[in-house]
Amino acid sequence: MEICPERNLNMKKFLFVISLFAVFSCSKHTGLRKIVGNWEIRKSEGGIAGIINYPAGNGNIYTFTSGGNYKFSDKGALQDEGSYTLNPVPGTQNWYLELRSIHHNSVSVDSVSIHGNQLVFLPRYTCCDFPTVFYEKLFN
């Protein structure tokens, strides 16, 4: 039985594409699992204000659902909500978090890192006074 070289090449291309799809699908899914839950601010570092520490129970909370929705509340008052996507930043352990607000009719994209029970919003620009903001996961 002779295998057609053209068919063999097409099969290799197909397997390569499926492998890439599996790698990126798993990466995105892993990030979504990590971000789902309630996150309360703990610290803002850098920028004009320097370091600001926030006590537990301050009520400045992001909530991310597995369905791709988020809410942001301050002391129990809803400030913003909408949908989100989380995609890996190539070559890093960070993620692009895209928030699509229905209250402000806007889209913002932040680079974040998620390590254990810490969600870190990285500064948007290195040229300006943007802080790094740390959130801690709440386990209710």
N, C-alpha and C. Protein backbone atom coordinates (compact mmCIF):
# COMPACT_ATOMS: atom_id res chain seq x y z
N MET A 1 0.83 -1.17 0.00
CA MET A 1 0.00 0.00 0.00
C MET A 1 0.88 1.24 0.00
N GLU A 2 0.63 2.14 -0.92
CA GLU A 2 1.42 3.35 -1.07
C GLU A 2 0.63 4.54 -0.54
N ILE A 3 1.30 5.36 0.26
CA ILE A 3 0.65 6.55 0.81
C ILE A 3 1.00 7.72 -0.09
N CYS A 4 0.00 8.45 -0.47
CA CYS A 4 0.17 9.61 -1.32
C CYS A 4 0.88 10.71 -0.53
N PRO A 5 2.04 11.22 -0.99
CA PRO A 5 2.78 12.26 -0.26
C PRO A 5 1.93 13.51 -0.02
N GLU A 6 1.10 13.87 -0.98
CA GLU A 6 0.25 15.05 -0.83
C GLU A 6 -0.76 14.86 0.30
N ARG A 7 -1.31 13.70 0.40
CA ARG A 7 -2.28 13.41 1.45
C ARG A 7 -1.60 13.39 2.83
N ASN A 8 -0.38 12.84 2.88
CA ASN A 8 0.38 12.80 4.11
C ASN A 8 0.68 14.22 4.60
N LEU A 9 1.06 15.12 3.68
CA LEU A 9 1.35 16.52 4.02
C LEU A 9 0.08 17.21 4.53
N ASN A 10 -1.04 16.96 3.88
CA ASN A 10 -2.30 17.57 4.32
C ASN A 10 -2.68 17.08 5.72
N MET A 11 -2.45 15.81 6.00
CA MET A 11 -2.74 15.26 7.32
C MET A 11 -1.86 15.93 8.37
N LYS A 12 -0.57 16.14 8.05
CA LYS A 12 0.33 16.80 8.99
C LYS A 12 -0.12 18.23 9.26
N LYS A 13 -0.54 18.95 8.23
CA LYS A 13 -1.04 20.32 8.41
C LYS A 13 -2.29 20.31 9.30
N PHE A 14 -3.17 19.36 9.04
CA PHE A 14 -4.40 19.25 9.81
C PHE A 14 -4.09 19.00 11.29
N LEU A 15 -3.19 18.07 11.56
CA LEU A 15 -2.82 17.77 12.95
C LEU A 15 -2.14 18.96 13.62
N PHE A 16 -1.34 19.70 12.87
CA PHE A 16 -0.68 20.89 13.42
C PHE A 16 -1.72 21.94 13.82
N VAL A 17 -2.68 22.19 12.95
CA VAL A 17 -3.74 23.18 13.24
C VAL A 17 -4.56 22.74 14.44
N ILE A 18 -4.91 21.48 14.52
CA ILE A 18 -5.67 20.96 15.67
C ILE A 18 -4.87 21.12 16.95
N SER A 19 -3.57 20.85 16.88
CA SER A 19 -2.70 21.00 18.07
C SER A 19 -2.66 22.44 18.55
N LEU A 20 -2.51 23.38 17.61
CA LEU A 20 -2.51 24.80 17.98
C LEU A 20 -3.84 25.20 18.62
N PHE A 21 -4.92 24.77 18.02
CA PHE A 21 -6.24 25.07 18.55
C PHE A 21 -6.38 24.54 19.97
N ALA A 22 -5.94 23.33 20.20
CA ALA A 22 -6.04 22.72 21.53
C ALA A 22 -5.21 23.49 22.55
N VAL A 23 -4.00 23.89 22.18
CA VAL A 23 -3.14 24.63 23.11
C VAL A 23 -3.76 25.96 23.50
N PHE A 24 -4.22 26.72 22.50
CA PHE A 24 -4.78 28.04 22.81
C PHE A 24 -6.14 27.93 23.47
N SER A 25 -6.93 26.94 23.15
CA SER A 25 -8.22 26.76 23.80
C SER A 25 -8.02 26.41 25.27
N CYS A 26 -7.08 25.55 25.56
CA CYS A 26 -6.82 25.17 26.96
C CYS A 26 -6.29 26.35 27.75
N SER A 27 -5.41 27.15 27.14
CA SER A 27 -4.84 28.31 27.83
C SER A 27 -5.93 29.29 28.21
N LYS A 28 -6.82 29.58 27.28
CA LYS A 28 -7.89 30.53 27.54
C LYS A 28 -8.82 29.98 28.62
N HIS A 29 -9.16 28.71 28.52
CA HIS A 29 -10.06 28.10 29.49
C HIS A 29 -9.45 28.11 30.89
N THR A 30 -8.15 27.85 30.98
CA THR A 30 -7.46 27.88 32.26
C THR A 30 -7.55 29.26 32.88
N GLY A 31 -7.36 30.31 32.08
CA GLY A 31 -7.47 31.67 32.58
C GLY A 31 -8.86 31.99 33.07
N LEU A 32 -9.87 31.54 32.33
CA LEU A 32 -11.25 31.80 32.74
C LEU A 32 -11.56 31.15 34.07
N ARG A 33 -11.08 29.92 34.25
CA ARG A 33 -11.30 29.25 35.54
C ARG A 33 -10.65 30.01 36.67
N LYS A 34 -9.48 30.57 36.42
CA LYS A 34 -8.75 31.29 37.46
C LYS A 34 -9.43 32.59 37.85
N ILE A 35 -10.04 33.29 36.90
CA ILE A 35 -10.58 34.62 37.19
C ILE A 35 -12.00 34.58 37.76
N VAL A 36 -12.71 33.50 37.58
CA VAL A 36 -14.10 33.41 38.05
C VAL A 36 -14.13 33.55 39.57
N GLY A 37 -14.99 34.44 40.05
CA GLY A 37 -15.15 34.65 41.48
C GLY A 37 -15.20 36.13 41.83
N ASN A 38 -15.10 36.41 43.13
CA ASN A 38 -15.12 37.77 43.65
C ASN A 38 -13.72 38.20 44.06
N TRP A 39 -13.34 39.41 43.67
CA TRP A 39 -12.00 39.93 43.93
C TRP A 39 -12.12 41.31 44.58
N GLU A 40 -11.48 41.48 45.73
CA GLU A 40 -11.54 42.76 46.45
C GLU A 40 -10.17 43.44 46.42
N ILE A 41 -10.17 44.75 46.20
CA ILE A 41 -8.91 45.49 46.13
C ILE A 41 -8.16 45.41 47.45
N ARG A 42 -6.82 45.29 47.36
CA ARG A 42 -5.97 45.24 48.55
C ARG A 42 -4.89 46.31 48.54
N LYS A 43 -4.40 46.65 47.31
CA LYS A 43 -3.30 47.61 47.28
C LYS A 43 -3.21 48.25 45.89
N SER A 44 -2.82 49.52 45.89
CA SER A 44 -2.48 50.24 44.68
C SER A 44 -1.05 50.73 44.89
N GLU A 45 -0.20 50.44 43.92
CA GLU A 45 1.23 50.73 44.08
C GLU A 45 1.75 51.47 42.86
N GLY A 46 2.40 52.60 43.10
CA GLY A 46 2.92 53.39 42.00
C GLY A 46 1.97 54.51 41.64
N GLY A 47 2.29 55.23 40.62
CA GLY A 47 1.46 56.36 40.24
C GLY A 47 1.69 57.54 41.18
N ILE A 48 0.89 58.55 41.05
CA ILE A 48 1.03 59.78 41.83
C ILE A 48 0.86 59.52 43.32
N ALA A 49 -0.07 58.66 43.69
CA ALA A 49 -0.40 58.44 45.10
C ALA A 49 0.59 57.55 45.84
N GLY A 50 1.49 56.90 45.13
CA GLY A 50 2.42 56.00 45.80
C GLY A 50 1.76 54.69 46.16
N ILE A 51 1.91 54.25 47.40
CA ILE A 51 1.32 52.98 47.84
C ILE A 51 0.09 53.27 48.71
N ILE A 52 -1.01 52.65 48.34
CA ILE A 52 -2.23 52.74 49.14
C ILE A 52 -2.64 51.32 49.50
N ASN A 53 -2.77 51.03 50.77
CA ASN A 53 -3.24 49.72 51.24
C ASN A 53 -4.71 49.84 51.60
N TYR A 54 -5.49 48.83 51.23
CA TYR A 54 -6.93 48.80 51.51
C TYR A 54 -7.21 47.64 52.47
N PRO A 55 -8.00 47.88 53.50
CA PRO A 55 -8.31 46.82 54.45
C PRO A 55 -9.28 45.80 53.87
N ALA A 56 -9.24 44.60 54.40
CA ALA A 56 -10.23 43.58 54.02
C ALA A 56 -11.62 44.11 54.37
N GLY A 57 -12.58 43.81 53.52
CA GLY A 57 -13.96 44.27 53.77
C GLY A 57 -14.23 45.67 53.26
N ASN A 58 -13.36 46.20 52.41
CA ASN A 58 -13.55 47.57 51.91
C ASN A 58 -14.66 47.69 50.88
N GLY A 59 -15.09 46.58 50.29
CA GLY A 59 -16.24 46.58 49.39
C GLY A 59 -15.98 46.99 47.96
N ASN A 60 -14.72 47.19 47.56
CA ASN A 60 -14.36 47.51 46.20
C ASN A 60 -14.11 46.18 45.49
N ILE A 61 -15.14 45.66 44.81
CA ILE A 61 -15.13 44.25 44.36
C ILE A 61 -15.47 44.10 42.88
N TYR A 62 -14.64 43.31 42.20
CA TYR A 62 -14.95 42.80 40.86
C TYR A 62 -15.51 41.39 41.03
N THR A 63 -16.57 41.09 40.29
CA THR A 63 -17.12 39.74 40.23
C THR A 63 -17.09 39.28 38.78
N PHE A 64 -16.45 38.13 38.54
CA PHE A 64 -16.38 37.55 37.20
C PHE A 64 -17.11 36.21 37.22
N THR A 65 -17.99 35.99 36.24
CA THR A 65 -18.73 34.73 36.16
C THR A 65 -18.13 33.84 35.07
N SER A 66 -18.45 32.56 35.13
CA SER A 66 -17.96 31.62 34.11
C SER A 66 -18.66 31.87 32.77
N GLY A 67 -19.77 32.60 32.79
CA GLY A 67 -20.50 32.91 31.56
C GLY A 67 -19.97 34.12 30.81
N GLY A 68 -18.88 34.72 31.31
CA GLY A 68 -18.28 35.85 30.61
C GLY A 68 -18.84 37.21 31.00
N ASN A 69 -19.47 37.31 32.16
CA ASN A 69 -20.00 38.59 32.62
C ASN A 69 -19.23 39.06 33.85
N TYR A 70 -19.23 40.37 34.05
CA TYR A 70 -18.57 40.92 35.23
C TYR A 70 -19.43 42.02 35.84
N LYS A 71 -19.18 42.29 37.10
CA LYS A 71 -19.79 43.42 37.81
C LYS A 71 -18.68 44.05 38.64
N PHE A 72 -18.77 45.35 38.81
CA PHE A 72 -17.86 46.06 39.69
C PHE A 72 -18.72 46.86 40.67
N SER A 73 -18.46 46.65 41.95
CA SER A 73 -19.23 47.38 42.97
C SER A 73 -18.29 48.03 43.96
N ASP A 74 -18.76 49.12 44.54
CA ASP A 74 -18.01 49.84 45.56
C ASP A 74 -18.92 49.96 46.77
N LYS A 75 -18.54 49.29 47.85
CA LYS A 75 -19.31 49.25 49.10
C LYS A 75 -20.76 48.80 48.85
N GLY A 76 -20.91 47.81 47.98
CA GLY A 76 -22.22 47.24 47.71
C GLY A 76 -23.01 47.94 46.62
N ALA A 77 -22.58 49.13 46.18
CA ALA A 77 -23.29 49.86 45.13
C ALA A 77 -22.69 49.51 43.77
N LEU A 78 -23.53 49.02 42.87
CA LEU A 78 -23.08 48.64 41.54
C LEU A 78 -22.58 49.87 40.79
N GLN A 79 -21.34 49.80 40.33
CA GLN A 79 -20.72 50.90 39.59
C GLN A 79 -20.63 50.62 38.10
N ASP A 80 -20.50 49.34 37.75
CA ASP A 80 -20.31 48.96 36.35
C ASP A 80 -20.61 47.49 36.18
N GLU A 81 -21.00 47.12 34.98
CA GLU A 81 -21.20 45.71 34.63
C GLU A 81 -21.15 45.56 33.13
N GLY A 82 -20.97 44.32 32.70
CA GLY A 82 -20.91 44.05 31.28
C GLY A 82 -20.36 42.66 31.04
N SER A 83 -19.67 42.51 29.92
CA SER A 83 -19.08 41.21 29.59
C SER A 83 -17.57 41.37 29.51
N TYR A 84 -16.89 40.23 29.57
CA TYR A 84 -15.43 40.25 29.51
C TYR A 84 -14.92 39.08 28.71
N THR A 85 -13.71 39.25 28.20
CA THR A 85 -12.97 38.14 27.60
C THR A 85 -11.56 38.17 28.19
N LEU A 86 -10.95 37.02 28.24
CA LEU A 86 -9.61 36.87 28.79
C LEU A 86 -8.78 36.06 27.81
N ASN A 87 -7.72 36.66 27.30
CA ASN A 87 -6.87 35.99 26.31
C ASN A 87 -5.41 36.08 26.74
N PRO A 88 -4.63 35.03 26.48
CA PRO A 88 -3.23 35.04 26.88
C PRO A 88 -2.42 36.10 26.12
N VAL A 89 -1.46 36.71 26.81
CA VAL A 89 -0.50 37.60 26.17
C VAL A 89 0.64 36.70 25.69
N PRO A 90 0.87 36.64 24.38
CA PRO A 90 1.89 35.73 23.86
C PRO A 90 3.26 35.96 24.51
N GLY A 91 3.91 34.86 24.86
CA GLY A 91 5.25 34.91 25.41
C GLY A 91 5.35 35.31 26.88
N THR A 92 4.21 35.42 27.56
CA THR A 92 4.21 35.81 28.98
C THR A 92 3.24 34.93 29.76
N GLN A 93 3.19 35.14 31.05
CA GLN A 93 2.20 34.47 31.91
C GLN A 93 1.01 35.40 32.17
N ASN A 94 0.93 36.52 31.45
CA ASN A 94 -0.12 37.51 31.66
C ASN A 94 -1.29 37.27 30.72
N TRP A 95 -2.35 38.03 30.96
CA TRP A 95 -3.58 37.91 30.20
C TRP A 95 -4.06 39.29 29.78
N TYR A 96 -4.73 39.37 28.63
CA TYR A 96 -5.45 40.58 28.24
C TYR A 96 -6.88 40.42 28.74
N LEU A 97 -7.30 41.31 29.61
CA LEU A 97 -8.66 41.32 30.12
C LEU A 97 -9.41 42.45 29.44
N GLU A 98 -10.39 42.09 28.62
CA GLU A 98 -11.19 43.08 27.91
C GLU A 98 -12.55 43.19 28.60
N LEU A 99 -12.86 44.39 29.10
CA LEU A 99 -14.13 44.65 29.77
C LEU A 99 -15.00 45.50 28.86
N ARG A 100 -16.19 45.00 28.54
CA ARG A 100 -17.15 45.73 27.71
C ARG A 100 -18.29 46.19 28.61
N SER A 101 -18.26 47.46 28.97
CA SER A 101 -19.20 48.03 29.93
C SER A 101 -20.54 48.37 29.26
N ILE A 102 -21.64 47.97 29.89
CA ILE A 102 -22.95 48.38 29.38
C ILE A 102 -23.40 49.70 30.02
N HIS A 103 -22.83 50.07 31.15
CA HIS A 103 -23.17 51.34 31.81
C HIS A 103 -22.47 52.52 31.16
N HIS A 104 -21.23 52.32 30.77
CA HIS A 104 -20.44 53.42 30.22
C HIS A 104 -20.29 53.33 28.70
N ASN A 105 -20.88 52.30 28.11
CA ASN A 105 -20.79 52.10 26.67
C ASN A 105 -19.33 52.22 26.19
N SER A 106 -18.46 51.46 26.85
CA SER A 106 -17.04 51.54 26.54
C SER A 106 -16.40 50.16 26.60
N VAL A 107 -15.19 50.10 26.07
CA VAL A 107 -14.37 48.89 26.13
C VAL A 107 -13.01 49.27 26.67
N SER A 108 -12.54 48.53 27.67
CA SER A 108 -11.19 48.76 28.17
C SER A 108 -10.44 47.43 28.13
N VAL A 109 -9.15 47.53 27.85
CA VAL A 109 -8.31 46.34 27.82
C VAL A 109 -7.15 46.55 28.79
N ASP A 110 -7.03 45.64 29.73
CA ASP A 110 -5.95 45.69 30.71
C ASP A 110 -5.12 44.43 30.61
N SER A 111 -3.85 44.56 30.92
CA SER A 111 -3.00 43.40 31.06
C SER A 111 -3.02 43.02 32.53
N VAL A 112 -3.34 41.76 32.80
CA VAL A 112 -3.45 41.30 34.18
C VAL A 112 -2.62 40.03 34.36
N SER A 113 -2.29 39.77 35.61
CA SER A 113 -1.70 38.48 35.96
C SER A 113 -2.56 37.87 37.06
N ILE A 114 -2.64 36.56 37.06
CA ILE A 114 -3.43 35.85 38.05
C ILE A 114 -2.54 34.77 38.65
N HIS A 115 -2.26 34.92 39.94
CA HIS A 115 -1.41 33.95 40.64
C HIS A 115 -2.09 33.58 41.94
N GLY A 116 -2.58 32.34 42.02
CA GLY A 116 -3.26 31.90 43.24
C GLY A 116 -4.46 32.76 43.53
N ASN A 117 -4.45 33.41 44.69
CA ASN A 117 -5.60 34.22 45.07
C ASN A 117 -5.35 35.71 44.82
N GLN A 118 -4.45 36.03 43.88
CA GLN A 118 -4.15 37.42 43.59
C GLN A 118 -4.36 37.74 42.10
N LEU A 119 -5.15 38.78 41.85
CA LEU A 119 -5.39 39.31 40.50
C LEU A 119 -4.72 40.68 40.46
N VAL A 120 -3.79 40.85 39.53
CA VAL A 120 -3.02 42.09 39.46
C VAL A 120 -3.30 42.79 38.13
N PHE A 121 -3.81 44.02 38.22
CA PHE A 121 -3.98 44.86 37.05
C PHE A 121 -2.66 45.60 36.85
N LEU A 122 -1.98 45.30 35.75
CA LEU A 122 -0.68 45.90 35.47
C LEU A 122 -0.88 47.30 34.90
N PRO A 123 0.11 48.19 35.07
CA PRO A 123 -0.04 49.56 34.55
C PRO A 123 -0.29 49.55 33.05
N ARG A 124 -1.18 50.41 32.60
CA ARG A 124 -1.49 50.48 31.17
C ARG A 124 -0.33 51.04 30.37
N TYR A 125 0.37 52.00 30.94
CA TYR A 125 1.47 52.64 30.24
C TYR A 125 2.65 52.76 31.19
N THR A 126 3.85 52.59 30.68
CA THR A 126 5.04 52.75 31.52
C THR A 126 5.49 54.20 31.56
N CYS A 127 5.00 55.01 30.64
CA CYS A 127 5.44 56.39 30.54
C CYS A 127 4.76 57.31 31.55
N CYS A 128 3.68 56.89 32.09
CA CYS A 128 2.85 57.79 32.90
C CYS A 128 2.67 57.24 34.32
N ASP A 129 1.94 57.96 35.10
CA ASP A 129 1.73 57.57 36.50
C ASP A 129 0.53 56.65 36.68
N PHE A 130 0.58 55.47 36.11
CA PHE A 130 -0.48 54.48 36.29
C PHE A 130 -0.01 53.46 37.31
N PRO A 131 -0.84 53.16 38.31
CA PRO A 131 -0.43 52.21 39.35
C PRO A 131 -0.65 50.76 38.96
N THR A 132 0.01 49.89 39.68
CA THR A 132 -0.29 48.46 39.64
C THR A 132 -1.31 48.24 40.76
N VAL A 133 -2.42 47.57 40.44
CA VAL A 133 -3.50 47.41 41.40
C VAL A 133 -3.69 45.93 41.72
N PHE A 134 -3.67 45.61 43.01
CA PHE A 134 -3.74 44.23 43.48
C PHE A 134 -5.12 43.93 44.08
N TYR A 135 -5.73 42.83 43.62
CA TYR A 135 -7.00 42.35 44.17
C TYR A 135 -6.76 40.96 44.78
N GLU A 136 -7.51 40.66 45.81
CA GLU A 136 -7.43 39.35 46.46
C GLU A 136 -8.76 38.63 46.28
N LYS A 137 -8.67 37.34 45.96
CA LYS A 137 -9.88 36.54 45.75
C LYS A 137 -10.58 36.31 47.08
N LEU A 138 -11.89 36.49 47.08
CA LEU A 138 -12.70 36.27 48.27
C LEU A 138 -13.28 34.87 48.19
N PHE A 139 -13.18 34.15 49.28
CA PHE A 139 -13.75 32.80 49.36
C PHE A 139 -14.91 32.85 50.33
N ASN A 140 -16.10 32.92 49.78
CA ASN A 140 -17.31 33.03 50.62
C ASN A 140 -17.86 31.68 50.97
